[in-house]
Amino acid sequence: MPAKYSIHVEEAAANVKATHNLAAEIGSSELLASFDLNVAGRNLIDTFLPQKAFNGTKFTILADPSKEAIVSFDIATKQSWTADGSDTLRGDKRVDDVAFSN
């Protein structure tokens, strides 16, 4: 597999914490080319430059925590490998989370 990823998004009322850990295969010349992480239509990743690994934590506040919030991600490498997915933070739950990994 050209890249490994782990993404965890937690909601507590209106506060959202998103952690991500992406890495291209060790020992290869592969680079991560792009990464988008969207919560309720807002991309939490500012600028993404091609790199071997990328991790961190981002925060956002939901405009209306009583509504469902779609969480989606897209990852691509320089050599055409891609991964994507989506899930929903449920508005009827005060605390909720979604996770993606390979």
Protein backbone atom coordinates (compact mmCIF):
# COMPACT_ATOMS: atom_id res chain seq x y z
CA MET A 1 0.00 0.00 0.00
CA PRO A 2 1.54 3.34 -1.03
CA ALA A 3 0.26 5.25 2.03
CA LYS A 4 -1.22 4.67 5.48
CA TYR A 5 -3.69 7.00 7.15
CA SER A 6 -5.62 7.41 10.37
CA ILE A 7 -8.19 10.19 10.84
CA HIS A 8 -10.34 10.72 13.94
CA VAL A 9 -12.94 13.50 14.26
CA GLU A 10 -14.64 14.12 17.61
CA GLU A 11 -17.62 16.37 18.34
CA ALA A 12 -18.52 17.70 21.78
CA ALA A 13 -21.51 20.01 21.41
CA ALA A 14 -20.37 22.63 18.86
CA ASN A 15 -16.62 21.93 19.30
CA VAL A 16 -14.91 19.61 16.81
CA LYS A 17 -11.40 18.19 17.11
CA ALA A 18 -9.88 16.42 14.09
CA THR A 19 -6.61 14.48 14.33
CA HIS A 20 -4.84 13.04 11.31
CA ASN A 21 -1.76 10.93 10.67
CA LEU A 22 -0.74 10.19 7.08
CA ALA A 23 2.47 8.62 5.84
CA ALA A 24 3.78 7.44 2.49
CA GLU A 25 5.37 3.99 2.44
CA ILE A 26 8.77 3.96 4.15
CA GLY A 27 11.61 3.23 1.78
CA SER A 28 9.74 4.30 -1.35
CA SER A 29 10.02 7.50 -3.36
CA GLU A 30 6.24 8.02 -3.02
CA LEU A 31 5.01 11.39 -1.71
CA LEU A 32 1.62 12.48 -0.43
CA ALA A 33 0.33 14.93 -3.03
CA SER A 34 -2.91 16.24 -1.54
CA PHE A 35 -5.12 15.97 1.53
CA ASP A 36 -8.51 17.52 2.24
CA LEU A 37 -10.43 17.04 5.47
CA ASN A 38 -13.89 18.61 5.45
CA VAL A 39 -16.27 19.07 8.37
CA ALA A 40 -19.70 20.54 7.57
CA GLY A 41 -18.39 21.82 4.23
CA ARG A 42 -15.27 23.50 5.65
CA ASN A 43 -11.81 22.21 4.66
CA LEU A 44 -9.68 22.12 7.81
CA ILE A 45 -6.38 21.66 5.94
CA ASP A 46 -4.94 25.02 4.91
CA THR A 47 -2.02 24.54 2.53
CA PHE A 48 -0.74 21.08 1.64
CA LEU A 49 2.63 20.64 -0.04
CA PRO A 50 3.92 17.26 -1.32
CA GLN A 51 5.58 15.46 1.57
CA LYS A 52 6.39 12.03 3.02
CA ALA A 53 4.30 12.35 6.22
CA PHE A 54 1.70 14.72 7.58
CA ASN A 55 0.06 14.71 11.00
CA GLY A 56 -1.60 17.13 13.33
CA THR A 57 -4.76 18.33 15.00
CA LYS A 58 -7.28 20.88 13.75
CA PHE A 59 -10.26 22.45 15.52
CA THR A 60 -13.48 24.00 14.30
CA ILE A 61 -16.83 25.08 15.70
CA LEU A 62 -20.10 23.92 14.18
CA ALA A 63 -22.55 26.71 13.31
CA ASP A 64 -25.48 24.55 14.44
CA PRO A 65 -24.49 21.51 16.51
CA SER A 66 -28.09 20.23 16.50
CA LYS A 67 -27.79 19.49 12.76
CA GLU A 68 -25.88 16.60 11.22
CA ALA A 69 -22.37 17.46 10.00
CA ILE A 70 -20.82 15.55 7.12
CA VAL A 71 -17.14 14.66 7.56
CA SER A 72 -15.22 13.74 4.41
CA PHE A 73 -11.62 13.27 3.34
CA ASP A 74 -9.60 12.84 0.15
CA ILE A 75 -5.96 11.74 -0.03
CA ALA A 76 -3.80 11.35 -3.15
CA THR A 77 -0.17 10.44 -3.76
CA LYS A 78 2.11 11.52 -6.60
CA GLN A 79 1.81 8.05 -8.17
CA SER A 80 -2.00 8.09 -8.50
CA TRP A 81 -3.00 6.22 -5.32
CA THR A 82 -6.14 7.73 -3.77
CA ALA A 83 -8.37 7.19 -0.76
CA ASP A 84 -11.56 8.94 0.27
CA GLY A 85 -14.53 8.52 2.53
CA SER A 86 -17.30 10.22 4.42
CA ASP A 87 -19.40 9.79 7.54
CA THR A 88 -21.75 11.88 9.64
CA LEU A 89 -21.53 13.50 13.05
CA ARG A 90 -25.09 13.16 14.31
CA GLY A 91 -26.76 16.33 15.50
CA ASP A 92 -28.98 14.50 17.98
CA LYS A 93 -25.90 13.35 19.93
CA ARG A 94 -24.10 15.81 22.21
CA VAL A 95 -20.90 13.77 21.81
CA ASP A 96 -20.08 11.82 18.64
CA ASP A 97 -17.10 10.76 16.57
CA VAL A 98 -16.07 9.26 13.24
CA ALA A 99 -12.85 7.51 12.26
CA PHE A 100 -11.17 6.44 9.03
CA SER A 101 -8.03 4.33 8.59
CA ASN A 102 -6.41 1.69 6.46
